[in-house]
Amino acid sequence: GVARTFQNIELFGSMSVLENLLVGLQ
């Protein structure tokens, strides 16, 4: 039940916004 963001952005650049969010649900 603990989630975080990062000081330096840690997104998957080649993936779409929706795909990045789906990673967060894995």
PDB file of all heavy atoms in Angstrom:
ATOM      1  N   GLY A   1       0.781  -1.229   0.000  1.00  0.00           N
ATOM      2  CA  GLY A   1       0.000   0.000   0.000  1.00  0.00           C
ATOM      3  C   GLY A   1       0.808   1.272   0.000  1.00  0.00           C
ATOM      4  O   GLY A   1       0.282   2.340   0.325  1.00  0.00           O
ATOM      5  N   VAL A   2       2.097   1.180  -0.377  1.00  0.00           N
ATOM      6  CA  VAL A   2       2.976   2.347  -0.409  1.00  0.00           C
ATOM      7  C   VAL A   2       3.465   2.544  -1.843  1.00  0.00           C
ATOM      8  O   VAL A   2       4.029   1.625  -2.440  1.00  0.00           O
ATOM      9  CB  VAL A   2       4.193   2.172   0.526  1.00  0.00           C
ATOM     10  CG1 VAL A   2       5.085   3.415   0.482  1.00  0.00           C
ATOM     11  CG2 VAL A   2       3.741   1.895   1.951  1.00  0.00           C
ATOM     12  N   ALA A   3       3.262   3.732  -2.397  1.00  0.00           N
ATOM     13  CA  ALA A   3       3.746   4.051  -3.745  1.00  0.00           C
ATOM     14  C   ALA A   3       4.524   5.347  -3.685  1.00  0.00           C
ATOM     15  O   ALA A   3       4.318   6.172  -2.794  1.00  0.00           O
ATOM     16  CB  ALA A   3       2.583   4.172  -4.728  1.00  0.00           C
ATOM     17  N   ARG A   4       5.409   5.564  -4.669  1.00  0.00           N
ATOM     18  CA  ARG A   4       6.251   6.765  -4.642  1.00  0.00           C
ATOM     19  C   ARG A   4       6.496   7.313  -6.040  1.00  0.00           C
ATOM     20  O   ARG A   4       6.360   6.594  -7.039  1.00  0.00           O
ATOM     21  CB  ARG A   4       7.601   6.481  -3.976  1.00  0.00           C
ATOM     22  CG  ARG A   4       8.550   5.657  -4.820  1.00  0.00           C
ATOM     23  CD  ARG A   4       9.929   5.516  -4.173  1.00  0.00           C
ATOM     24  NE  ARG A   4      10.677   6.763  -4.205  1.00  0.00           N
ATOM     25  CZ  ARG A   4      11.936   6.885  -3.780  1.00  0.00           C
ATOM     26  NH1 ARG A   4      12.567   5.841  -3.273  1.00  0.00           N
ATOM     27  NH2 ARG A   4      12.552   8.045  -3.837  1.00  0.00           N
ATOM     28  N   THR A   5       6.836   8.585  -6.068  1.00  0.00           N
ATOM     29  CA  THR A   5       7.414   9.195  -7.255  1.00  0.00           C
ATOM     30  C   THR A   5       8.893   9.420  -6.971  1.00  0.00           C
ATOM     31  O   THR A   5       9.360   9.252  -5.837  1.00  0.00           O
ATOM     32  CB  THR A   5       6.736  10.532  -7.595  1.00  0.00           C
ATOM     33  OG1 THR A   5       6.979  11.469  -6.529  1.00  0.00           O
ATOM     34  CG2 THR A   5       5.243  10.353  -7.793  1.00  0.00           C
ATOM     35  N   PHE A   6       9.628   9.838  -8.012  1.00  0.00           N
ATOM     36  CA  PHE A   6      11.074   9.985  -7.875  1.00  0.00           C
ATOM     37  C   PHE A   6      11.502  11.412  -8.197  1.00  0.00           C
ATOM     38  O   PHE A   6      10.878  12.106  -8.996  1.00  0.00           O
ATOM     39  CB  PHE A   6      11.803   9.010  -8.796  1.00  0.00           C
ATOM     40  CG  PHE A   6      11.623   7.566  -8.412  1.00  0.00           C
ATOM     41  CD1 PHE A   6      10.515   6.850  -8.852  1.00  0.00           C
ATOM     42  CD2 PHE A   6      12.542   6.938  -7.595  1.00  0.00           C
ATOM     43  CE1 PHE A   6      10.328   5.531  -8.491  1.00  0.00           C
ATOM     44  CE2 PHE A   6      12.369   5.610  -7.227  1.00  0.00           C
ATOM     45  CZ  PHE A   6      11.264   4.907  -7.670  1.00  0.00           C
ATOM     46  N   GLN A   7      12.594  11.819  -7.544  1.00  0.00           N
ATOM     47  CA  GLN A   7      13.151  13.149  -7.791  1.00  0.00           C
ATOM     48  C   GLN A   7      13.543  13.301  -9.257  1.00  0.00           C
ATOM     49  O   GLN A   7      13.287  14.322  -9.885  1.00  0.00           O
ATOM     50  CB  GLN A   7      14.361  13.370  -6.881  1.00  0.00           C
ATOM     51  CG  GLN A   7      14.978  14.750  -6.986  1.00  0.00           C
ATOM     52  CD  GLN A   7      16.085  14.943  -5.967  1.00  0.00           C
ATOM     53  OE1 GLN A   7      16.217  14.169  -5.011  1.00  0.00           O
ATOM     54  NE2 GLN A   7      16.884  15.967  -6.149  1.00  0.00           N
ATOM     55  N   ASN A   8      14.184  12.268  -9.806  1.00  0.00           N
ATOM     56  CA  ASN A   8      14.497  12.216 -11.225  1.00  0.00           C
ATOM     57  C   ASN A   8      13.468  11.312 -11.898  1.00  0.00           C
ATOM     58  O   ASN A   8      13.282  10.166 -11.492  1.00  0.00           O
ATOM     59  CB  ASN A   8      15.911  11.673 -11.452  1.00  0.00           C
ATOM     60  CG  ASN A   8      16.966  12.550 -10.815  1.00  0.00           C
ATOM     61  OD1 ASN A   8      16.938  13.767 -10.961  1.00  0.00           O
ATOM     62  ND2 ASN A   8      17.892  11.940 -10.082  1.00  0.00           N
ATOM     63  N   ILE A   9      12.807  11.840 -12.910  1.00  0.00           N
ATOM     64  CA  ILE A   9      11.696  11.116 -13.544  1.00  0.00           C
ATOM     65  C   ILE A   9      12.144   9.750 -14.043  1.00  0.00           C
ATOM     66  O   ILE A   9      13.164   9.627 -14.712  1.00  0.00           O
ATOM     67  CB  ILE A   9      11.113  11.954 -14.693  1.00  0.00           C
ATOM     68  CG1 ILE A   9      10.494  13.240 -14.135  1.00  0.00           C
ATOM     69  CG2 ILE A   9      10.058  11.169 -15.457  1.00  0.00           C
ATOM     70  CD1 ILE A   9      10.040  14.208 -15.190  1.00  0.00           C
ATOM     71  N   GLU A  10      11.355   8.722 -13.699  1.00  0.00           N
ATOM     72  CA  GLU A  10      11.700   7.340 -14.042  1.00  0.00           C
ATOM     73  C   GLU A  10      10.601   6.717 -14.898  1.00  0.00           C
ATOM     74  O   GLU A  10       9.975   5.732 -14.515  1.00  0.00           O
ATOM     75  CB  GLU A  10      11.910   6.519 -12.762  1.00  0.00           C
ATOM     76  CG  GLU A  10      13.002   7.019 -11.839  1.00  0.00           C
ATOM     77  CD  GLU A  10      14.395   6.709 -12.353  1.00  0.00           C
ATOM     78  OE1 GLU A  10      14.509   5.911 -13.308  1.00  0.00           O
ATOM     79  OE2 GLU A  10      15.372   7.256 -11.806  1.00  0.00           O
ATOM     80  N   LEU A  11      10.350   7.305 -16.062  1.00  0.00           N
ATOM     81  CA  LEU A  11       9.348   6.762 -16.980  1.00  0.00           C
ATOM     82  C   LEU A  11      10.009   5.939 -18.080  1.00  0.00           C
ATOM     83  O   LEU A  11      11.205   6.096 -18.349  1.00  0.00           O
ATOM     84  CB  LEU A  11       8.540   7.900 -17.618  1.00  0.00           C
ATOM     85  CG  LEU A  11       7.712   8.776 -16.679  1.00  0.00           C
ATOM     86  CD1 LEU A  11       7.076   9.915 -17.458  1.00  0.00           C
ATOM     87  CD2 LEU A  11       6.643   7.952 -15.963  1.00  0.00           C
ATOM     88  N   PHE A  12       9.223   5.077 -18.713  1.00  0.00           N
ATOM     89  CA  PHE A  12       9.696   4.335 -19.879  1.00  0.00           C
ATOM     90  C   PHE A  12       9.399   5.191 -21.108  1.00  0.00           C
ATOM     91  O   PHE A  12       8.252   5.278 -21.556  1.00  0.00           O
ATOM     92  CB  PHE A  12       9.006   2.974 -19.966  1.00  0.00           C
ATOM     93  CG  PHE A  12       9.306   2.074 -18.803  1.00  0.00           C
ATOM     94  CD1 PHE A  12       8.413   1.968 -17.746  1.00  0.00           C
ATOM     95  CD2 PHE A  12      10.488   1.343 -18.760  1.00  0.00           C
ATOM     96  CE1 PHE A  12       8.686   1.146 -16.666  1.00  0.00           C
ATOM     97  CE2 PHE A  12      10.774   0.519 -17.688  1.00  0.00           C
ATOM     98  CZ  PHE A  12       9.871   0.419 -16.632  1.00  0.00           C
ATOM     99  N   GLY A  13      10.437   5.817 -21.646  1.00  0.00           N
ATOM    100  CA  GLY A  13      10.260   6.825 -22.680  1.00  0.00           C
ATOM    101  C   GLY A  13       9.605   6.339 -23.954  1.00  0.00           C
ATOM    102  O   GLY A  13       8.837   7.069 -24.588  1.00  0.00           O
ATOM    103  N   SER A  14       9.886   5.090 -24.361  1.00  0.00           N
ATOM    104  CA  SER A  14       9.343   4.576 -25.615  1.00  0.00           C
ATOM    105  C   SER A  14       7.908   4.066 -25.467  1.00  0.00           C
ATOM    106  O   SER A  14       7.242   3.779 -26.455  1.00  0.00           O
ATOM    107  CB  SER A  14      10.231   3.450 -26.153  1.00  0.00           C
ATOM    108  OG  SER A  14      10.257   2.363 -25.243  1.00  0.00           O
ATOM    109  N   MET A  15       7.434   3.957 -24.231  1.00  0.00           N
ATOM    110  CA  MET A  15       6.081   3.463 -23.982  1.00  0.00           C
ATOM    111  C   MET A  15       5.115   4.628 -23.882  1.00  0.00           C
ATOM    112  O   MET A  15       5.487   5.742 -23.505  1.00  0.00           O
ATOM    113  CB  MET A  15       6.048   2.630 -22.695  1.00  0.00           C
ATOM    114  CG  MET A  15       6.887   1.362 -22.769  1.00  0.00           C
ATOM    115  SD  MET A  15       7.074   0.528 -21.168  1.00  0.00           S
ATOM    116  CE  MET A  15       5.386   0.116 -20.784  1.00  0.00           C
ATOM    117  N   SER A  16       3.869   4.377 -24.224  1.00  0.00           N
ATOM    118  CA  SER A  16       2.845   5.420 -24.138  1.00  0.00           C
ATOM    119  C   SER A  16       2.544   5.728 -22.672  1.00  0.00           C
ATOM    120  O   SER A  16       2.919   4.982 -21.756  1.00  0.00           O
ATOM    121  CB  SER A  16       1.572   4.971 -24.844  1.00  0.00           C
ATOM    122  OG  SER A  16       0.922   3.951 -24.092  1.00  0.00           O
ATOM    123  N   VAL A  17       1.829   6.817 -22.470  1.00  0.00           N
ATOM    124  CA  VAL A  17       1.420   7.188 -21.117  1.00  0.00           C
ATOM    125  C   VAL A  17       0.584   6.073 -20.495  1.00  0.00           C
ATOM    126  O   VAL A  17       0.808   5.669 -19.353  1.00  0.00           O
ATOM    127  CB  VAL A  17       0.635   8.511 -21.151  1.00  0.00           C
ATOM    128  CG1 VAL A  17      -0.043   8.785 -19.808  1.00  0.00           C
ATOM    129  CG2 VAL A  17       1.564   9.663 -21.523  1.00  0.00           C
ATOM    130  N   LEU A  18      -0.383   5.545 -21.246  1.00  0.00           N
ATOM    131  CA  LEU A  18      -1.218   4.469 -20.725  1.00  0.00           C
ATOM    132  C   LEU A  18      -0.387   3.249 -20.368  1.00  0.00           C
ATOM    133  O   LEU A  18      -0.595   2.629 -19.306  1.00  0.00           O
ATOM    134  CB  LEU A  18      -2.287   4.095 -21.751  1.00  0.00           C
ATOM    135  CG  LEU A  18      -3.192   2.920 -21.378  1.00  0.00           C
ATOM    136  CD1 LEU A  18      -3.970   3.205 -20.097  1.00  0.00           C
ATOM    137  CD2 LEU A  18      -4.156   2.591 -22.526  1.00  0.00           C
ATOM    138  N   GLU A  19       0.569   2.892 -21.207  1.00  0.00           N
ATOM    139  CA  GLU A  19       1.409   1.721 -20.930  1.00  0.00           C
ATOM    140  C   GLU A  19       2.253   1.937 -19.674  1.00  0.00           C
ATOM    141  O   GLU A  19       2.464   1.002 -18.894  1.00  0.00           O
ATOM    142  CB  GLU A  19       2.300   1.430 -22.138  1.00  0.00           C
ATOM    143  CG  GLU A  19       1.536   0.873 -23.331  1.00  0.00           C
ATOM    144  CD  GLU A  19       2.351   0.864 -24.607  1.00  0.00           C
ATOM    145  OE1 GLU A  19       3.340   1.640 -24.708  1.00  0.00           O
ATOM    146  OE2 GLU A  19       2.017   0.081 -25.506  1.00  0.00           O
ATOM    147  N   ASN A  20       2.740   3.165 -19.468  1.00  0.00           N
ATOM    148  CA  ASN A  20       3.481   3.454 -18.243  1.00  0.00           C
ATOM    149  C   ASN A  20       2.610   3.250 -17.012  1.00  0.00           C
ATOM    150  O   ASN A  20       3.069   2.726 -15.992  1.00  0.00           O
ATOM    151  CB  ASN A  20       4.016   4.889 -18.272  1.00  0.00           C
ATOM    152  CG  ASN A  20       5.407   4.991 -18.866  1.00  0.00           C
ATOM    153  OD1 ASN A  20       6.403   4.758 -18.194  1.00  0.00           O
ATOM    154  ND2 ASN A  20       5.461   5.334 -20.153  1.00  0.00           N
ATOM    155  N   LEU A  21       1.338   3.648 -17.105  1.00  0.00           N
ATOM    156  CA  LEU A  21       0.442   3.457 -15.968  1.00  0.00           C
ATOM    157  C   LEU A  21       0.142   1.984 -15.725  1.00  0.00           C
ATOM    158  O   LEU A  21       0.065   1.532 -14.574  1.00  0.00           O
ATOM    159  CB  LEU A  21      -0.862   4.228 -16.195  1.00  0.00           C
ATOM    160  CG  LEU A  21      -0.931   5.641 -15.613  1.00  0.00           C
ATOM    161  CD1 LEU A  21       0.144   6.531 -16.220  1.00  0.00           C
ATOM    162  CD2 LEU A  21      -2.307   6.241 -15.782  1.00  0.00           C
ATOM    163  N   LEU A  22      -0.012   1.222 -16.804  1.00  0.00           N
ATOM    164  CA  LEU A  22      -0.282  -0.209 -16.651  1.00  0.00           C
ATOM    165  C   LEU A  22       0.875  -0.925 -15.962  1.00  0.00           C
ATOM    166  O   LEU A  22       0.659  -1.880 -15.202  1.00  0.00           O
ATOM    167  CB  LEU A  22      -0.570  -0.837 -18.016  1.00  0.00           C
ATOM    168  CG  LEU A  22      -1.919  -0.457 -18.646  1.00  0.00           C
ATOM    169  CD1 LEU A  22      -1.986  -0.915 -20.099  1.00  0.00           C
ATOM    170  CD2 LEU A  22      -3.073  -1.053 -17.847  1.00  0.00           C
ATOM    171  N   VAL A  23       2.101  -0.447 -16.191  1.00  0.00           N
ATOM    172  CA  VAL A  23       3.258  -1.003 -15.482  1.00  0.00           C
ATOM    173  C   VAL A  23       3.079  -0.833 -13.979  1.00  0.00           C
ATOM    174  O   VAL A  23       3.422  -1.712 -13.185  1.00  0.00           O
ATOM    175  CB  VAL A  23       4.562  -0.329 -15.961  1.00  0.00           C
ATOM    176  CG1 VAL A  23       5.730  -0.703 -15.044  1.00  0.00           C
ATOM    177  CG2 VAL A  23       4.880  -0.745 -17.387  1.00  0.00           C
ATOM    178  N   GLY A  24       2.527   0.317 -13.586  1.00  0.00           N
ATOM    179  CA  GLY A  24       2.314   0.565 -12.169  1.00  0.00           C
ATOM    180  C   GLY A  24       1.314  -0.355 -11.510  1.00  0.00           C
ATOM    181  O   GLY A  24       1.224  -0.413 -10.281  1.00  0.00           O
ATOM    182  N   LEU A  25       0.550  -1.097 -12.307  1.00  0.00           N
ATOM    183  CA  LEU A  25      -0.451  -2.020 -11.770  1.00  0.00           C
ATOM    184  C   LEU A  25       0.000  -3.476 -11.776  1.00  0.00           C
ATOM    185  O   LEU A  25      -0.727  -4.345 -11.308  1.00  0.00           O
ATOM    186  CB  LEU A  25      -1.751  -1.893 -12.570  1.00  0.00           C
ATOM    187  CG  LEU A  25      -2.671  -0.736 -12.185  1.00  0.00           C
ATOM    188  CD1 LEU A  25      -3.795  -0.601 -13.204  1.00  0.00           C
ATOM    189  CD2 LEU A  25      -3.248  -0.936 -10.797  1.00  0.00           C
ATOM    190  N   GLN A  26       1.173  -3.746 -12.320  1.00  0.00           N
ATOM    191  CA  GLN A  26       1.594  -5.137 -12.478  1.00  0.00           C
ATOM    192  C   GLN A  26       1.635  -5.904 -11.168  1.00  0.00           C
ATOM    193  O   GLN A  26       1.260  -7.076 -11.098  1.00  0.00           O
ATOM    194  CB  GLN A  26       2.972  -5.187 -13.148  1.00  0.00           C
ATOM    195  CG  GLN A  26       2.961  -4.819 -14.616  1.00  0.00           C
ATOM    196  CD  GLN A  26       2.043  -5.705 -15.438  1.00  0.00           C
ATOM    197  OE1 GLN A  26       2.135  -6.918 -15.386  1.00  0.00           O
ATOM    198  NE2 GLN A  26       1.136  -5.081 -16.181  1.00  0.00           N
TER     199      GLN A  26
END
